[in-house]
PDB file of all heavy atoms in Angstrom:
ATOM      1  N   LEU A   1     101.838  93.384 108.483  1.00  0.00           N
ATOM      2  CA  LEU A   1     102.481  92.202 107.897  1.00  0.00           C
ATOM      3  C   LEU A   1     103.543  92.610 106.882  1.00  0.00           C
ATOM      4  O   LEU A   1     104.623  92.002 106.820  1.00  0.00           O
ATOM      5  CB  LEU A   1     101.430  91.312 107.231  1.00  0.00           C
ATOM      6  CG  LEU A   1     100.425  90.627 108.160  1.00  0.00           C
ATOM      7  CD1 LEU A   1      99.402  89.838 107.350  1.00  0.00           C
ATOM      8  CD2 LEU A   1     101.145  89.707 109.148  1.00  0.00           C
ATOM      9  N   GLY A   2     103.246  93.650 106.080  1.00  0.00           N
ATOM     10  CA  GLY A   2     104.202  94.088 105.064  1.00  0.00           C
ATOM     11  C   GLY A   2     105.494  94.613 105.669  1.00  0.00           C
ATOM     12  O   GLY A   2     106.589  94.230 105.251  1.00  0.00           O
ATOM     13  N   VAL A   3     105.379  95.513 106.659  1.00  0.00           N
ATOM     14  CA  VAL A   3     106.595  96.092 107.233  1.00  0.00           C
ATOM     15  C   VAL A   3     107.381  95.051 108.032  1.00  0.00           C
ATOM     16  O   VAL A   3     108.620  95.059 108.037  1.00  0.00           O
ATOM     17  CB  VAL A   3     106.275  97.322 108.113  1.00  0.00           C
ATOM     18  CG1 VAL A   3     105.672  98.438 107.275  1.00  0.00           C
ATOM     19  CG2 VAL A   3     105.367  96.970 109.280  1.00  0.00           C
ATOM     20  N   LEU A   4     106.685  94.133 108.686  1.00  0.00           N
ATOM     21  CA  LEU A   4     107.391  93.071 109.411  1.00  0.00           C
ATOM     22  C   LEU A   4     108.137  92.159 108.441  1.00  0.00           C
ATOM     23  O   LEU A   4     109.259  91.717 108.730  1.00  0.00           O
ATOM     24  CB  LEU A   4     106.408  92.249 110.246  1.00  0.00           C
ATOM     25  CG  LEU A   4     105.965  92.859 111.576  1.00  0.00           C
ATOM     26  CD1 LEU A   4     104.905  91.979 112.240  1.00  0.00           C
ATOM     27  CD2 LEU A   4     107.152  93.033 112.515  1.00  0.00           C
ATOM     28  N   LEU A   5     107.520  91.890 107.302  1.00  0.00           N
ATOM     29  CA  LEU A   5     108.171  91.026 106.317  1.00  0.00           C
ATOM     30  C   LEU A   5     109.415  91.687 105.748  1.00  0.00           C
ATOM     31  O   LEU A   5     110.469  91.047 105.602  1.00  0.00           O
ATOM     32  CB  LEU A   5     107.179  90.694 105.200  1.00  0.00           C
ATOM     33  CG  LEU A   5     107.574  89.576 104.231  1.00  0.00           C
ATOM     34  CD1 LEU A   5     107.869  88.290 104.985  1.00  0.00           C
ATOM     35  CD2 LEU A   5     106.462  89.355 103.209  1.00  0.00           C
ATOM     36  N   VAL A   6     109.337  92.972 105.434  1.00  0.00           N
ATOM     37  CA  VAL A   6     110.517  93.682 104.927  1.00  0.00           C
ATOM     38  C   VAL A   6     111.593  93.751 106.001  1.00  0.00           C
ATOM     39  O   VAL A   6     112.797  93.625 105.709  1.00  0.00           O
ATOM     40  CB  VAL A   6     110.143  95.100 104.464  1.00  0.00           C
ATOM     41  CG1 VAL A   6     111.394  95.860 104.014  1.00  0.00           C
ATOM     42  CG2 VAL A   6     109.138  95.053 103.331  1.00  0.00           C
ATOM     43  N   ALA A   7     111.192  93.909 107.261  1.00  0.00           N
ATOM     44  CA  ALA A   7     112.158  94.022 108.353  1.00  0.00           C
ATOM     45  C   ALA A   7     112.990  92.752 108.519  1.00  0.00           C
ATOM     46  O   ALA A   7     114.126  92.818 108.999  1.00  0.00           O
ATOM     47  CB  ALA A   7     111.433  94.332 109.661  1.00  0.00           C
ATOM     48  N   THR A   8     112.449  91.620 108.101  1.00  0.00           N
ATOM     49  CA  THR A   8     113.222  90.370 108.204  1.00  0.00           C
ATOM     50  C   THR A   8     114.208  90.218 107.054  1.00  0.00           C
ATOM     51  O   THR A   8     114.892  89.194 106.976  1.00  0.00           O
ATOM     52  CB  THR A   8     112.275  89.158 108.223  1.00  0.00           C
ATOM     53  OG1 THR A   8     111.523  89.109 107.003  1.00  0.00           O
ATOM     54  CG2 THR A   8     111.311  89.243 109.411  1.00  0.00           C
ATOM     55  N   HIS A   9     114.283  91.216 106.160  1.00  0.00           N
ATOM     56  CA  HIS A   9     115.117  91.239 104.949  1.00  0.00           C
ATOM     57  C   HIS A   9     115.165  89.881 104.246  1.00  0.00           C
ATOM     58  O   HIS A   9     116.231  89.271 104.106  1.00  0.00           O
ATOM     59  CB  HIS A   9     116.536  91.755 105.260  1.00  0.00           C
ATOM     60  CG  HIS A   9     117.224  91.120 106.421  1.00  0.00           C
ATOM     61  ND1 HIS A   9     116.939  91.407 107.727  1.00  0.00           N
ATOM     62  CD2 HIS A   9     118.244  90.210 106.466  1.00  0.00           C
ATOM     63  CE1 HIS A   9     117.712  90.704 108.527  1.00  0.00           C
ATOM     64  NE2 HIS A   9     118.516  89.980 107.788  1.00  0.00           N
ATOM     65  N   PRO A  10     114.000  89.425 103.768  1.00  0.00           N
ATOM     66  CA  PRO A  10     113.954  88.157 103.022  1.00  0.00           C
ATOM     67  C   PRO A  10     114.505  88.343 101.613  1.00  0.00           C
ATOM     68  O   PRO A  10     114.967  89.439 101.270  1.00  0.00           O
ATOM     69  CB  PRO A  10     112.444  87.857 102.990  1.00  0.00           C
ATOM     70  CG  PRO A  10     111.821  89.206 102.945  1.00  0.00           C
ATOM     71  CD  PRO A  10     112.693  90.085 103.811  1.00  0.00           C
ATOM     72  N   PRO A  11     114.472  87.322 100.769  1.00  0.00           N
ATOM     73  CA  PRO A  11     114.884  87.498  99.373  1.00  0.00           C
ATOM     74  C   PRO A  11     114.096  88.627  98.701  1.00  0.00           C
ATOM     75  O   PRO A  11     112.939  88.880  99.052  1.00  0.00           O
ATOM     76  CB  PRO A  11     114.561  86.135  98.734  1.00  0.00           C
ATOM     77  CG  PRO A  11     114.672  85.165  99.875  1.00  0.00           C
ATOM     78  CD  PRO A  11     114.174  85.906 101.079  1.00  0.00           C
ATOM     79  N   PHE A  12     114.728  89.270  97.735  1.00  0.00           N
ATOM     80  CA  PHE A  12     114.149  90.469  97.154  1.00  0.00           C
ATOM     81  C   PHE A  12     112.756  90.263  96.566  1.00  0.00           C
ATOM     82  O   PHE A  12     111.897  91.146  96.719  1.00  0.00           O
ATOM     83  CB  PHE A  12     115.091  91.044  96.097  1.00  0.00           C
ATOM     84  CG  PHE A  12     114.623  92.355  95.539  1.00  0.00           C
ATOM     85  CD1 PHE A  12     114.544  93.486  96.338  1.00  0.00           C
ATOM     86  CD2 PHE A  12     114.248  92.461  94.198  1.00  0.00           C
ATOM     87  CE1 PHE A  12     114.103  94.700  95.826  1.00  0.00           C
ATOM     88  CE2 PHE A  12     113.808  93.670  93.679  1.00  0.00           C
ATOM     89  CZ  PHE A  12     113.740  94.788  94.496  1.00  0.00           C
ATOM     90  N   PRO A  13     112.459  89.141  95.890  1.00  0.00           N
ATOM     91  CA  PRO A  13     111.077  88.959  95.405  1.00  0.00           C
ATOM     92  C   PRO A  13     110.047  88.999  96.535  1.00  0.00           C
ATOM     93  O   PRO A  13     108.924  89.496  96.341  1.00  0.00           O
ATOM     94  CB  PRO A  13     111.119  87.579  94.736  1.00  0.00           C
ATOM     95  CG  PRO A  13     112.537  87.419  94.305  1.00  0.00           C
ATOM     96  CD  PRO A  13     113.347  88.062  95.394  1.00  0.00           C
ATOM     97  N   VAL A  14     110.420  88.506  97.709  1.00  0.00           N
ATOM     98  CA  VAL A  14     109.504  88.553  98.850  1.00  0.00           C
ATOM     99  C   VAL A  14     109.338  89.996  99.339  1.00  0.00           C
ATOM    100  O   VAL A  14     108.262  90.404  99.779  1.00  0.00           O
ATOM    101  CB  VAL A  14     110.003  87.638  99.978  1.00  0.00           C
ATOM    102  CG1 VAL A  14     109.037  87.658 101.161  1.00  0.00           C
ATOM    103  CG2 VAL A  14     110.188  86.211  99.472  1.00  0.00           C
ATOM    104  N   VAL A  15     110.424  90.767  99.258  1.00  0.00           N
ATOM    105  CA  VAL A  15     110.340  92.180  99.617  1.00  0.00           C
ATOM    106  C   VAL A  15     109.338  92.889  98.711  1.00  0.00           C
ATOM    107  O   VAL A  15     108.535  93.727  99.174  1.00  0.00           O
ATOM    108  CB  VAL A  15     111.725  92.851  99.513  1.00  0.00           C
ATOM    109  CG1 VAL A  15     111.613  94.365  99.687  1.00  0.00           C
ATOM    110  CG2 VAL A  15     112.669  92.279 100.552  1.00  0.00           C
ATOM    111  N   LEU A  16     109.351  92.553  97.428  1.00  0.00           N
ATOM    112  CA  LEU A  16     108.392  93.158  96.500  1.00  0.00           C
ATOM    113  C   LEU A  16     106.961  92.786  96.870  1.00  0.00           C
ATOM    114  O   LEU A  16     106.053  93.624  96.802  1.00  0.00           O
ATOM    115  CB  LEU A  16     108.700  92.715  95.069  1.00  0.00           C
ATOM    116  CG  LEU A  16     110.022  93.201  94.472  1.00  0.00           C
ATOM    117  CD1 LEU A  16     110.209  92.634  93.065  1.00  0.00           C
ATOM    118  CD2 LEU A  16     110.069  94.724  94.435  1.00  0.00           C
ATOM    119  N   VAL A  17     106.759  91.539  97.263  1.00  0.00           N
ATOM    120  CA  VAL A  17     105.431  91.107  97.704  1.00  0.00           C
ATOM    121  C   VAL A  17     105.006  91.908  98.938  1.00  0.00           C
ATOM    122  O   VAL A  17     103.853  92.333  99.059  1.00  0.00           O
ATOM    123  CB  VAL A  17     105.409  89.601  98.000  1.00  0.00           C
ATOM    124  CG1 VAL A  17     104.084  89.184  98.639  1.00  0.00           C
ATOM    125  CG2 VAL A  17     105.657  88.802  96.727  1.00  0.00           C
ATOM    126  N   ALA A  18     105.957  92.127  99.854  1.00  0.00           N
ATOM    127  CA  ALA A  18     105.647  92.889 101.067  1.00  0.00           C
ATOM    128  C   ALA A  18     105.278  94.331 100.733  1.00  0.00           C
ATOM    129  O   ALA A  18     104.309  94.883 101.279  1.00  0.00           O
ATOM    130  CB  ALA A  18     106.848  92.856 102.017  1.00  0.00           C
ATOM    131  N   PHE A  19     106.016  94.955  99.821  1.00  0.00           N
ATOM    132  CA  PHE A  19     105.684  96.328  99.413  1.00  0.00           C
ATOM    133  C   PHE A  19     104.310  96.387  98.748  1.00  0.00           C
ATOM    134  O   PHE A  19     103.549  97.339  98.963  1.00  0.00           O
ATOM    135  CB  PHE A  19     106.742  96.880  98.461  1.00  0.00           C
ATOM    136  CG  PHE A  19     107.953  97.441  99.145  1.00  0.00           C
ATOM    137  CD1 PHE A  19     109.223  96.965  98.872  1.00  0.00           C
ATOM    138  CD2 PHE A  19     107.827  98.471 100.072  1.00  0.00           C
ATOM    139  CE1 PHE A  19     110.342  97.486  99.510  1.00  0.00           C
ATOM    140  CE2 PHE A  19     108.928  99.007 100.705  1.00  0.00           C
ATOM    141  CZ  PHE A  19     110.191  98.511 100.435  1.00  0.00           C
ATOM    142  N   SER A  20     103.987  95.376  97.948  1.00  0.00           N
ATOM    143  CA  SER A  20     102.672  95.371  97.298  1.00  0.00           C
ATOM    144  C   SER A  20     101.562  95.164  98.320  1.00  0.00           C
ATOM    145  O   SER A  20     100.460  95.717  98.165  1.00  0.00           O
ATOM    146  CB  SER A  20     102.618  94.283  96.221  1.00  0.00           C
ATOM    147  OG  SER A  20     102.749  92.990  96.791  1.00  0.00           O
ATOM    148  N   ALA A  21     101.836  94.383  99.376  1.00  0.00           N
ATOM    149  CA  ALA A  21     100.834  94.190 100.435  1.00  0.00           C
ATOM    150  C   ALA A  21     100.553  95.503 101.159  1.00  0.00           C
ATOM    151  O   ALA A  21      99.395  95.838 101.450  1.00  0.00           O
ATOM    152  CB  ALA A  21     101.310  93.127 101.422  1.00  0.00           C
ATOM    153  N   VAL A  22     101.616  96.260 101.449  1.00  0.00           N
ATOM    154  CA  VAL A  22     101.425  97.566 102.092  1.00  0.00           C
ATOM    155  C   VAL A  22     100.649  98.505 101.165  1.00  0.00           C
ATOM    156  O   VAL A  22      99.751  99.238 101.605  1.00  0.00           O
ATOM    157  CB  VAL A  22     102.780  98.190 102.471  1.00  0.00           C
ATOM    158  CG1 VAL A  22     102.590  99.594 103.027  1.00  0.00           C
ATOM    159  CG2 VAL A  22     103.494  97.312 103.495  1.00  0.00           C
ATOM    160  N   ALA A  23     100.976  98.479  99.874  1.00  0.00           N
ATOM    161  CA  ALA A  23     100.262  99.322  98.915  1.00  0.00           C
ATOM    162  C   ALA A  23      98.794  98.907  98.803  1.00  0.00           C
ATOM    163  O   ALA A  23      97.914  99.768  98.654  1.00  0.00           O
ATOM    164  CB  ALA A  23     100.928  99.246  97.548  1.00  0.00           C
ATOM    165  N   LEU A  24      98.530  97.614  98.884  1.00  0.00           N
ATOM    166  CA  LEU A  24      97.150  97.138  98.853  1.00  0.00           C
ATOM    167  C   LEU A  24      96.373  97.679 100.049  1.00  0.00           C
ATOM    168  O   LEU A  24      95.249  98.183  99.907  1.00  0.00           O
ATOM    169  CB  LEU A  24      97.135  95.609  98.851  1.00  0.00           C
ATOM    170  CG  LEU A  24      95.762  94.933  98.855  1.00  0.00           C
ATOM    171  CD1 LEU A  24      94.984  95.280  97.596  1.00  0.00           C
ATOM    172  CD2 LEU A  24      95.928  93.413  98.983  1.00  0.00           C
ATOM    173  N   GLY A  25      96.975  97.593 101.231  1.00  0.00           N
ATOM    174  CA  GLY A  25      96.331  98.154 102.410  1.00  0.00           C
ATOM    175  C   GLY A  25      96.158  99.651 102.303  1.00  0.00           C
ATOM    176  O   GLY A  25      95.122 100.204 102.701  1.00  0.00           O
ATOM    177  N   ALA A  26      97.160 100.336 101.751  1.00  0.00           N
ATOM    178  CA  ALA A  26      97.065 101.792 101.574  1.00  0.00           C
ATOM    179  C   ALA A  26      95.942 102.146 100.614  1.00  0.00           C
ATOM    180  O   ALA A  26      95.220 103.132 100.821  1.00  0.00           O
ATOM    181  CB  ALA A  26      98.394 102.340 101.062  1.00  0.00           C
ATOM    182  N   GLY A  27      95.766 101.344  99.560  1.00  0.00           N
ATOM    183  CA  GLY A  27      94.689 101.593  98.613  1.00  0.00           C
ATOM    184  C   GLY A  27      93.316 101.451  99.260  1.00  0.00           C
ATOM    185  O   GLY A  27      92.416 102.266  99.037  1.00  0.00           O
ATOM    186  N   PHE A  28      93.151 100.404 100.083  1.00  0.00           N
ATOM    187  CA  PHE A  28      91.893 100.234 100.806  1.00  0.00           C
ATOM    188  C   PHE A  28      91.630 101.422 101.728  1.00  0.00           C
ATOM    189  O   PHE A  28      90.533 101.986 101.766  1.00  0.00           O
ATOM    190  CB  PHE A  28      91.938  98.953 101.645  1.00  0.00           C
ATOM    191  CG  PHE A  28      91.670  97.699 100.864  1.00  0.00           C
ATOM    192  CD1 PHE A  28      92.501  96.596 100.991  1.00  0.00           C
ATOM    193  CD2 PHE A  28      90.581  97.618 100.003  1.00  0.00           C
ATOM    194  CE1 PHE A  28      92.249  95.430 100.274  1.00  0.00           C
ATOM    195  CE2 PHE A  28      90.330  96.452  99.282  1.00  0.00           C
ATOM    196  CZ  PHE A  28      91.167  95.353  99.416  1.00  0.00           C
ATOM    197  N   LEU A  29      92.656 101.790 102.492  1.00  0.00           N
ATOM    198  CA  LEU A  29      92.495 102.847 103.489  1.00  0.00           C
ATOM    199  C   LEU A  29      92.288 104.208 102.832  1.00  0.00           C
ATOM    200  O   LEU A  29      91.432 104.992 103.254  1.00  0.00           O
ATOM    201  CB  LEU A  29      93.722 102.880 104.399  1.00  0.00           C
ATOM    202  CG  LEU A  29      93.562 103.514 105.788  1.00  0.00           C
ATOM    203  CD1 LEU A  29      92.487 102.795 106.572  1.00  0.00           C
ATOM    204  CD2 LEU A  29      94.883 103.484 106.529  1.00  0.00           C
TER     205      LEU A  29
END
């Protein structure tokens, strides 16, 4: 979900949310 969201190049605050989602998944894994 994070990489797909960044790939759609949304507004920058949404990009930050996407990066944090990927980091959240990385932390779990």
